[in-house]
Amino acid sequence: MNSPFPGMNPYLENPVFWSEVHHRLITAIADTIEENIPLHYRVAIERRTYLSDDSDSVLVGIPDVSIFSQQKSPQQYSSTTTQAETSEGMTVMIPLPEHVTENYLEIREISTGFVVTSIEVLSPKNKRPGEGRKAYELKRKQVLASLSHLVEIDLLRSGQAMSILGETPVVNYQIIVSRSETRPQAKLYGFSVRETIPVFPLPLQSEDTELIVDLQSLLHGIYNRARYYLAIDYNKEPVPPLKPEDAVWSDTFLREQGLRNN
């Protein structure tokens, strides 16, 4: 069973599913590219690791280590000393620093190891203030300052989109294809939750035929293999919630398909 939505399924953005979706999508993109690009290239799944201590880190309870004073009679105290009462401390939650690993793809020229194209699927931490965004913005700057192409896939409605010069239409999702030879110009493929995910070209070396990437088909395959149709309750609203006008559309759309009945 394919995803019921015409494009990106907003229910897959839920943190309950997204980490798995991200992992499966990276692997699916790598596999489909590997099958179709010339033999002098290889696709590498790389990892970016950083220590996250921002507000979206996992919170843990800290044991109450306050010392509780026992009330003593005046005769128990020395006449030359006084002891202040120790107040009861408050149990609080503090962010626990965690090692975060994010996967991305690199298309490399086998003979030289040169990174022809870097492909990123953004994560929630990339779009929120904190170490995740800093780490990705540094990587982004390095790629944009190099001779490598950049493909940036953003399938998350929440958070702050990556910087683009000038005014652009407000969209739910976007794909950016930045070719090294045309920078600072890049192609932006924006789309809403109501639209099919557009196909886009994967830039390679100038003498090679470019591959057309169909994320829509890849996501349908992931939706089926992971059996998300058994795990998602379409009677509930997606997380994060849709905009009011899109929520109305989604409600009608899901009812027409018999996926919502409450």
C-alpha atoms as a PDB file:
ATOM      1  CA  MET A   1       0.000   0.000   0.000  1.00  0.00           C
ATOM      2  CA  ASN A   2       1.432   3.351  -1.059  1.00  0.00           C
ATOM      3  CA  SER A   3       1.314   6.420   1.147  1.00  0.00           C
ATOM      4  CA  PRO A   4      -2.146   8.006   0.760  1.00  0.00           C
ATOM      5  CA  PHE A   5      -0.786  11.533   0.307  1.00  0.00           C
ATOM      6  CA  PRO A   6       0.072  12.791  -3.178  1.00  0.00           C
ATOM      7  CA  GLY A   7       3.521  13.911  -2.028  1.00  0.00           C
ATOM      8  CA  MET A   8       5.279  14.003   1.321  1.00  0.00           C
ATOM      9  CA  ASN A   9       3.291  12.222   4.019  1.00  0.00           C
ATOM     10  CA  PRO A  10       3.218  14.680   6.963  1.00  0.00           C
ATOM     11  CA  TYR A  11       2.702  11.838   9.426  1.00  0.00           C
ATOM     12  CA  LEU A  12       6.220  10.612   8.679  1.00  0.00           C
ATOM     13  CA  GLU A  13       7.618  13.837  10.162  1.00  0.00           C
ATOM     14  CA  ASN A  14       6.583  12.665  13.627  1.00  0.00           C
ATOM     15  CA  PRO A  15       9.722  12.122  15.769  1.00  0.00           C
ATOM     16  CA  VAL A  16       8.424   8.608  16.431  1.00  0.00           C
ATOM     17  CA  PHE A  17       9.040   7.766  12.760  1.00  0.00           C
ATOM     18  CA  TRP A  18      11.434  10.357  11.371  1.00  0.00           C
ATOM     19  CA  SER A  19      14.750   8.879  12.498  1.00  0.00           C
ATOM     20  CA  GLU A  20      13.876   5.603  10.783  1.00  0.00           C
ATOM     21  CA  VAL A  21      12.491   7.384   7.700  1.00  0.00           C
ATOM     22  CA  HIS A  22      15.706   9.414   7.424  1.00  0.00           C
ATOM     23  CA  HIS A  23      17.870   6.293   7.668  1.00  0.00           C
ATOM     24  CA  ARG A  24      15.799   4.376   5.123  1.00  0.00           C
ATOM     25  CA  LEU A  25      15.642   7.326   2.697  1.00  0.00           C
ATOM     26  CA  ILE A  26      19.412   7.867   2.769  1.00  0.00           C
ATOM     27  CA  THR A  27      19.927   4.177   2.014  1.00  0.00           C
ATOM     28  CA  ALA A  28      17.260   4.148  -0.727  1.00  0.00           C
ATOM     29  CA  ILE A  29      18.785   7.196  -2.444  1.00  0.00           C
ATOM     30  CA  ALA A  30      22.242   5.634  -2.272  1.00  0.00           C
ATOM     31  CA  ASP A  31      21.031   2.343  -3.745  1.00  0.00           C
ATOM     32  CA  THR A  32      19.105   3.901  -6.635  1.00  0.00           C
ATOM     33  CA  ILE A  33      22.029   6.190  -7.509  1.00  0.00           C
ATOM     34  CA  GLU A  34      24.552   3.359  -7.346  1.00  0.00           C
ATOM     35  CA  GLU A  35      22.516   1.330  -9.814  1.00  0.00           C
ATOM     36  CA  ASN A  36      22.376   4.115 -12.397  1.00  0.00           C
ATOM     37  CA  ILE A  37      25.575   6.162 -12.350  1.00  0.00           C
ATOM     38  CA  PRO A  38      28.723   5.444 -14.404  1.00  0.00           C
ATOM     39  CA  LEU A  39      31.183   2.911 -13.021  1.00  0.00           C
ATOM     40  CA  HIS A  40      33.869   5.506 -12.319  1.00  0.00           C
ATOM     41  CA  TYR A  41      31.767   6.804  -9.432  1.00  0.00           C
ATOM     42  CA  ARG A  42      30.811   5.330  -6.086  1.00  0.00           C
ATOM     43  CA  VAL A  43      28.260   6.479  -3.498  1.00  0.00           C
ATOM     44  CA  ALA A  44      29.548   6.719   0.066  1.00  0.00           C
ATOM     45  CA  ILE A  45      27.333   6.982   3.142  1.00  0.00           C
ATOM     46  CA  GLU A  46      29.220   9.379   5.398  1.00  0.00           C
ATOM     47  CA  ARG A  47      28.649  10.384   9.006  1.00  0.00           C
ATOM     48  CA  ARG A  48      28.755  13.743  10.761  1.00  0.00           C
ATOM     49  CA  THR A  49      29.127  13.476  14.535  1.00  0.00           C
ATOM     50  CA  TYR A  50      28.835  16.209  17.132  1.00  0.00           C
ATOM     51  CA  LEU A  51      28.042  16.645  20.814  1.00  0.00           C
ATOM     52  CA  SER A  52      24.606  18.159  21.302  1.00  0.00           C
ATOM     53  CA  ASP A  53      23.768  19.972  24.504  1.00  0.00           C
ATOM     54  CA  ASP A  54      20.978  22.230  23.293  1.00  0.00           C
ATOM     55  CA  SER A  55      17.394  22.428  24.491  1.00  0.00           C
ATOM     56  CA  ASP A  56      16.177  19.494  22.410  1.00  0.00           C
ATOM     57  CA  SER A  57      18.541  17.076  24.080  1.00  0.00           C
ATOM     58  CA  VAL A  58      17.197  14.267  26.199  1.00  0.00           C
ATOM     59  CA  LEU A  59      16.297  15.450  29.676  1.00  0.00           C
ATOM     60  CA  VAL A  60      17.176  13.332  32.679  1.00  0.00           C
ATOM     61  CA  GLY A  61      16.154  13.473  36.308  1.00  0.00           C
ATOM     62  CA  ILE A  62      18.859  14.450  38.761  1.00  0.00           C
ATOM     63  CA  PRO A  63      18.600  12.779  42.184  1.00  0.00           C
ATOM     64  CA  ASP A  64      17.770  15.049  45.053  1.00  0.00           C
ATOM     65  CA  VAL A  65      21.114  15.353  46.863  1.00  0.00           C
ATOM     66  CA  SER A  66      19.979  17.930  49.392  1.00  0.00           C
ATOM     67  CA  ILE A  67      20.909  17.252  53.011  1.00  0.00           C
ATOM     68  CA  PHE A  68      17.865  17.461  55.213  1.00  0.00           C
ATOM     69  CA  SER A  69      18.586  18.844  58.685  1.00  0.00           C
ATOM     70  CA  GLN A  70      17.119  17.176  61.712  1.00  0.00           C
ATOM     71  CA  GLN A  71      15.606  19.450  64.296  1.00  0.00           C
ATOM     72  CA  LYS A  72      17.612  19.382  67.499  1.00  0.00           C
ATOM     73  CA  SER A  73      16.882  20.763  70.890  1.00  0.00           C
ATOM     74  CA  PRO A  74      18.740  23.892  71.975  1.00  0.00           C
ATOM     75  CA  GLN A  75      20.706  21.834  74.543  1.00  0.00           C
ATOM     76  CA  GLN A  76      22.311  19.873  71.682  1.00  0.00           C
ATOM     77  CA  TYR A  77      24.034  22.938  70.260  1.00  0.00           C
ATOM     78  CA  SER A  78      27.255  24.369  71.621  1.00  0.00           C
ATOM     79  CA  SER A  79      26.760  27.711  73.293  1.00  0.00           C
ATOM     80  CA  THR A  80      29.423  29.211  71.039  1.00  0.00           C
ATOM     81  CA  THR A  81      28.082  27.976  67.661  1.00  0.00           C
ATOM     82  CA  THR A  82      24.898  28.284  65.601  1.00  0.00           C
ATOM     83  CA  GLN A  83      23.659  26.069  62.759  1.00  0.00           C
ATOM     84  CA  ALA A  84      21.378  27.313  59.982  1.00  0.00           C
ATOM     85  CA  GLU A  85      18.587  25.062  58.760  1.00  0.00           C
ATOM     86  CA  THR A  86      19.180  23.438  55.381  1.00  0.00           C
ATOM     87  CA  SER A  87      16.236  24.093  53.092  1.00  0.00           C
ATOM     88  CA  GLU A  88      14.776  21.345  50.950  1.00  0.00           C
ATOM     89  CA  GLY A  89      16.199  21.475  47.422  1.00  0.00           C
ATOM     90  CA  MET A  90      14.110  21.258  44.290  1.00  0.00           C
ATOM     91  CA  THR A  91      14.481  18.322  41.908  1.00  0.00           C
ATOM     92  CA  VAL A  92      15.118  19.653  38.404  1.00  0.00           C
ATOM     93  CA  MET A  93      15.727  18.339  34.899  1.00  0.00           C
ATOM     94  CA  ILE A  94      18.862  19.277  32.985  1.00  0.00           C
ATOM     95  CA  PRO A  95      19.815  18.615  29.329  1.00  0.00           C
ATOM     96  CA  LEU A  96      22.022  15.579  28.917  1.00  0.00           C
ATOM     97  CA  PRO A  97      24.772  16.076  26.316  1.00  0.00           C
ATOM     98  CA  GLU A  98      24.546  13.376  23.667  1.00  0.00           C
ATOM     99  CA  HIS A  99      26.674  12.269  20.768  1.00  0.00           C
ATOM    100  CA  VAL A 100      24.621  12.756  17.602  1.00  0.00           C
ATOM    101  CA  THR A 101      25.419  11.020  14.319  1.00  0.00           C
ATOM    102  CA  GLU A 102      23.862  12.220  11.053  1.00  0.00           C
ATOM    103  CA  ASN A 103      24.281  10.371   7.772  1.00  0.00           C
ATOM    104  CA  TYR A 104      24.681  12.017   4.390  1.00  0.00           C
ATOM    105  CA  LEU A 105      25.786  10.896   0.935  1.00  0.00           C
ATOM    106  CA  GLU A 106      28.797  11.693  -1.194  1.00  0.00           C
ATOM    107  CA  ILE A 107      29.244  10.747  -4.842  1.00  0.00           C
ATOM    108  CA  ARG A 108      32.969  10.308  -5.337  1.00  0.00           C
ATOM    109  CA  GLU A 109      35.175   9.854  -8.342  1.00  0.00           C
ATOM    110  CA  ILE A 110      36.861   6.501  -7.714  1.00  0.00           C
ATOM    111  CA  SER A 111      40.205   7.302  -9.327  1.00  0.00           C
ATOM    112  CA  THR A 112      40.802  10.527  -7.371  1.00  0.00           C
ATOM    113  CA  GLY A 113      38.454  10.363  -4.371  1.00  0.00           C
ATOM    114  CA  PHE A 114      37.104  13.774  -5.387  1.00  0.00           C
ATOM    115  CA  VAL A 115      33.620  14.491  -3.985  1.00  0.00           C
ATOM    116  CA  VAL A 116      31.528  15.310  -7.039  1.00  0.00           C
ATOM    117  CA  THR A 117      28.202  15.751  -5.245  1.00  0.00           C
ATOM    118  CA  SER A 118      27.150  15.942  -1.605  1.00  0.00           C
ATOM    119  CA  ILE A 119      23.556  14.954  -0.786  1.00  0.00           C
ATOM    120  CA  GLU A 120      21.937  15.966   2.502  1.00  0.00           C
ATOM    121  CA  VAL A 121      18.541  15.022   3.927  1.00  0.00           C
ATOM    122  CA  LEU A 122      17.956  17.539   6.709  1.00  0.00           C
ATOM    123  CA  SER A 123      17.162  16.426  10.240  1.00  0.00           C
ATOM    124  CA  PRO A 124      15.177  18.336  12.909  1.00  0.00           C
ATOM    125  CA  LYS A 125      18.394  19.313  14.694  1.00  0.00           C
ATOM    126  CA  ASN A 126      19.691  20.941  11.498  1.00  0.00           C
ATOM    127  CA  LYS A 127      16.678  23.269  11.508  1.00  0.00           C
ATOM    128  CA  ARG A 128      16.740  24.313  15.184  1.00  0.00           C
ATOM    129  CA  PRO A 129      19.237  26.584  16.956  1.00  0.00           C
ATOM    130  CA  GLY A 130      21.997  24.559  18.551  1.00  0.00           C
ATOM    131  CA  GLU A 131      24.957  22.357  17.774  1.00  0.00           C
ATOM    132  CA  GLY A 132      23.128  20.408  15.045  1.00  0.00           C
ATOM    133  CA  ARG A 133      22.482  23.519  12.997  1.00  0.00           C
ATOM    134  CA  LYS A 134      26.002  24.853  13.589  1.00  0.00           C
ATOM    135  CA  ALA A 135      27.532  21.563  12.447  1.00  0.00           C
ATOM    136  CA  TYR A 136      25.437  21.453   9.291  1.00  0.00           C
ATOM    137  CA  GLU A 137      25.900  25.133   8.431  1.00  0.00           C
ATOM    138  CA  LEU A 138      29.680  24.639   8.649  1.00  0.00           C
ATOM    139  CA  LYS A 139      29.463  21.620   6.343  1.00  0.00           C
ATOM    140  CA  ARG A 140      27.194  23.560   3.951  1.00  0.00           C
ATOM    141  CA  LYS A 141      29.622  26.481   3.756  1.00  0.00           C
ATOM    142  CA  GLN A 142      32.519  24.134   3.047  1.00  0.00           C
ATOM    143  CA  VAL A 143      30.671  22.448   0.187  1.00  0.00           C
ATOM    144  CA  LEU A 144      29.466  25.744  -1.297  1.00  0.00           C
ATOM    145  CA  ALA A 145      33.038  27.060  -1.226  1.00  0.00           C
ATOM    146  CA  SER A 146      34.327  23.967  -3.040  1.00  0.00           C
ATOM    147  CA  LEU A 147      33.992  22.503  -6.536  1.00  0.00           C
ATOM    148  CA  SER A 148      31.451  19.921  -5.303  1.00  0.00           C
ATOM    149  CA  HIS A 149      27.755  20.116  -6.127  1.00  0.00           C
ATOM    150  CA  LEU A 150      25.221  20.213  -3.269  1.00  0.00           C
ATOM    151  CA  VAL A 151      21.768  18.620  -3.140  1.00  0.00           C
ATOM    152  CA  GLU A 152      19.838  19.611  -0.021  1.00  0.00           C
ATOM    153  CA  ILE A 153      16.540  17.826   0.706  1.00  0.00           C
ATOM    154  CA  ASP A 154      14.228  19.338   3.326  1.00  0.00           C
ATOM    155  CA  LEU A 155      11.140  17.213   4.047  1.00  0.00           C
ATOM    156  CA  LEU A 156      10.354  18.819   7.407  1.00  0.00           C
ATOM    157  CA  ARG A 157       7.802  21.573   7.906  1.00  0.00           C
ATOM    158  CA  SER A 158       9.006  22.640  11.344  1.00  0.00           C
ATOM    159  CA  GLY A 159      12.140  24.616  12.096  1.00  0.00           C
ATOM    160  CA  GLN A 160      14.040  27.308  10.244  1.00  0.00           C
ATOM    161  CA  ALA A 161      14.858  26.658   6.602  1.00  0.00           C
ATOM    162  CA  MET A 162      18.424  27.010   5.388  1.00  0.00           C
ATOM    163  CA  SER A 163      19.422  30.472   4.206  1.00  0.00           C
ATOM    164  CA  ILE A 164      18.643  31.550   0.653  1.00  0.00           C
ATOM    165  CA  LEU A 165      19.388  35.017  -0.719  1.00  0.00           C
ATOM    166  CA  GLY A 166      16.388  37.102  -1.744  1.00  0.00           C
ATOM    167  CA  GLU A 167      12.703  36.375  -1.412  1.00  0.00           C
ATOM    168  CA  THR A 168      11.304  32.925  -2.147  1.00  0.00           C
ATOM    169  CA  PRO A 169       7.771  31.521  -2.012  1.00  0.00           C
ATOM    170  CA  VAL A 170       6.623  30.082   1.312  1.00  0.00           C
ATOM    171  CA  VAL A 171       6.504  26.300   0.901  1.00  0.00           C
ATOM    172  CA  ASN A 172       6.127  23.265   3.160  1.00  0.00           C
ATOM    173  CA  TYR A 173       9.119  21.403   1.740  1.00  0.00           C
ATOM    174  CA  GLN A 174      12.005  22.129  -0.587  1.00  0.00           C
ATOM    175  CA  ILE A 175      14.878  20.618  -2.521  1.00  0.00           C
ATOM    176  CA  ILE A 176      17.882  22.748  -3.478  1.00  0.00           C
ATOM    177  CA  VAL A 177      20.286  21.742  -6.250  1.00  0.00           C
ATOM    178  CA  SER A 178      23.423  23.876  -6.203  1.00  0.00           C
ATOM    179  CA  ARG A 179      25.801  23.269  -9.095  1.00  0.00           C
ATOM    180  CA  SER A 180      29.351  24.382  -8.463  1.00  0.00           C
ATOM    181  CA  GLU A 181      29.686  26.045 -11.868  1.00  0.00           C
ATOM    182  CA  THR A 182      26.566  28.249 -11.486  1.00  0.00           C
ATOM    183  CA  ARG A 183      26.938  29.477  -7.901  1.00  0.00           C
ATOM    184  CA  PRO A 184      25.588  31.565  -6.305  1.00  0.00           C
ATOM    185  CA  GLN A 185      22.594  30.605  -8.439  1.00  0.00           C
ATOM    186  CA  ALA A 186      20.866  27.358  -7.529  1.00  0.00           C
ATOM    187  CA  LYS A 187      17.611  25.581  -8.409  1.00  0.00           C
ATOM    188  CA  LEU A 188      14.874  25.520  -5.764  1.00  0.00           C
ATOM    189  CA  TYR A 189      12.114  22.916  -6.004  1.00  0.00           C
ATOM    190  CA  GLY A 190       9.435  23.930  -3.507  1.00  0.00           C
ATOM    191  CA  PHE A 191       6.212  22.027  -2.908  1.00  0.00           C
ATOM    192  CA  SER A 192       3.330  21.767  -0.468  1.00  0.00           C
ATOM    193  CA  VAL A 193       1.813  18.841   1.395  1.00  0.00           C
ATOM    194  CA  ARG A 194      -0.850  18.723  -1.345  1.00  0.00           C
ATOM    195  CA  GLU A 195       1.622  18.328  -4.233  1.00  0.00           C
ATOM    196  CA  THR A 196       3.691  15.495  -5.629  1.00  0.00           C
ATOM    197  CA  ILE A 197       7.370  15.704  -4.783  1.00  0.00           C
ATOM    198  CA  PRO A 198       9.082  17.035  -7.927  1.00  0.00           C
ATOM    199  CA  VAL A 199      11.765  14.974  -9.612  1.00  0.00           C
ATOM    200  CA  PHE A 200      15.141  16.694  -9.861  1.00  0.00           C
ATOM    201  CA  PRO A 201      18.454  16.166 -11.698  1.00  0.00           C
ATOM    202  CA  LEU A 202      21.490  14.886  -9.844  1.00  0.00           C
ATOM    203  CA  PRO A 203      24.512  16.905 -11.019  1.00  0.00           C
ATOM    204  CA  LEU A 204      27.666  14.975 -11.868  1.00  0.00           C
ATOM    205  CA  GLN A 205      30.764  15.850 -13.887  1.00  0.00           C
ATOM    206  CA  SER A 206      29.956  17.847 -17.012  1.00  0.00           C
ATOM    207  CA  GLU A 207      30.732  14.974 -19.379  1.00  0.00           C
ATOM    208  CA  ASP A 208      28.337  12.537 -17.664  1.00  0.00           C
ATOM    209  CA  THR A 209      24.604  12.141 -18.152  1.00  0.00           C
ATOM    210  CA  GLU A 210      22.701  13.275 -15.082  1.00  0.00           C
ATOM    211  CA  LEU A 211      20.435  10.947 -13.179  1.00  0.00           C
ATOM    212  CA  ILE A 212      16.846  12.019 -12.472  1.00  0.00           C
ATOM    213  CA  VAL A 213      15.938  11.368  -8.830  1.00  0.00           C
ATOM    214  CA  ASP A 214      12.329  10.443  -8.031  1.00  0.00           C
ATOM    215  CA  LEU A 215      11.963  10.842  -4.272  1.00  0.00           C
ATOM    216  CA  GLN A 216       8.236  10.185  -4.501  1.00  0.00           C
ATOM    217  CA  SER A 217       8.753   6.625  -5.686  1.00  0.00           C
ATOM    218  CA  LEU A 218      11.454   6.051  -3.078  1.00  0.00           C
ATOM    219  CA  LEU A 219       9.179   7.222  -0.262  1.00  0.00           C
ATOM    220  CA  HIS A 220       6.336   5.024  -1.491  1.00  0.00           C
ATOM    221  CA  GLY A 221       8.707   2.074  -1.384  1.00  0.00           C
ATOM    222  CA  ILE A 222       9.837   2.955   2.134  1.00  0.00           C
ATOM    223  CA  TYR A 223       6.234   3.391   3.289  1.00  0.00           C
ATOM    224  CA  ASN A 224       5.424  -0.107   2.038  1.00  0.00           C
ATOM    225  CA  ARG A 225       8.517  -1.913   3.275  1.00  0.00           C
ATOM    226  CA  ALA A 226       8.379  -0.330   6.731  1.00  0.00           C
ATOM    227  CA  ARG A 227       4.596  -0.978   6.887  1.00  0.00           C
ATOM    228  CA  TYR A 228       3.879   2.510   8.134  1.00  0.00           C
ATOM    229  CA  TYR A 229       0.270   1.996   7.037  1.00  0.00           C
ATOM    230  CA  LEU A 230      -0.049  -0.324  10.062  1.00  0.00           C
ATOM    231  CA  ALA A 231       1.647   2.087  12.483  1.00  0.00           C
ATOM    232  CA  ILE A 232       0.017   5.416  11.568  1.00  0.00           C
ATOM    233  CA  ASP A 233      -3.382   6.366  12.990  1.00  0.00           C
ATOM    234  CA  TYR A 234      -4.892   8.729  10.443  1.00  0.00           C
ATOM    235  CA  ASN A 235      -7.750   9.558  12.826  1.00  0.00           C
ATOM    236  CA  LYS A 236      -5.228  11.678  14.715  1.00  0.00           C
ATOM    237  CA  GLU A 237      -3.604  14.889  13.539  1.00  0.00           C
ATOM    238  CA  PRO A 238       0.007  14.718  12.317  1.00  0.00           C
ATOM    239  CA  VAL A 239       2.923  15.893  14.438  1.00  0.00           C
ATOM    240  CA  PRO A 240       3.789  18.683  13.912  1.00  0.00           C
ATOM    241  CA  PRO A 241       0.262  19.882  13.081  1.00  0.00           C
ATOM    242  CA  LEU A 242      -0.650  21.145   9.640  1.00  0.00           C
ATOM    243  CA  LYS A 243      -1.618  24.744   8.940  1.00  0.00           C
ATOM    244  CA  PRO A 244      -5.385  25.250   9.414  1.00  0.00           C
ATOM    245  CA  GLU A 245      -6.150  25.340   5.682  1.00  0.00           C
ATOM    246  CA  ASP A 246      -4.043  22.248   5.037  1.00  0.00           C
ATOM    247  CA  ALA A 247      -5.609  20.479   8.025  1.00  0.00           C
ATOM    248  CA  VAL A 248      -9.061  20.996   6.493  1.00  0.00           C
ATOM    249  CA  TRP A 249      -7.838  19.682   3.151  1.00  0.00           C
ATOM    250  CA  SER A 250      -6.159  16.691   4.817  1.00  0.00           C
ATOM    251  CA  ASP A 251      -9.293  15.817   6.781  1.00  0.00           C
ATOM    252  CA  THR A 252     -11.414  15.748   3.628  1.00  0.00           C
ATOM    253  CA  PHE A 253      -8.726  13.891   1.700  1.00  0.00           C
ATOM    254  CA  LEU A 254      -8.346  11.143   4.326  1.00  0.00           C
ATOM    255  CA  ARG A 255     -12.111  10.706   4.739  1.00  0.00           C
ATOM    256  CA  GLU A 256     -12.549  10.273   0.990  1.00  0.00           C
ATOM    257  CA  GLN A 257     -10.044   7.418   1.141  1.00  0.00           C
ATOM    258  CA  GLY A 258     -11.718   5.808   4.141  1.00  0.00           C
ATOM    259  CA  LEU A 259      -8.697   6.411   6.401  1.00  0.00           C
ATOM    260  CA  ARG A 260     -10.458   8.711   8.869  1.00  0.00           C
ATOM    261  CA  ASN A 261     -13.856   8.124  10.402  1.00  0.00           C
ATOM    262  CA  ASN A 262     -14.002   9.921  13.750  1.00  0.00           C
END
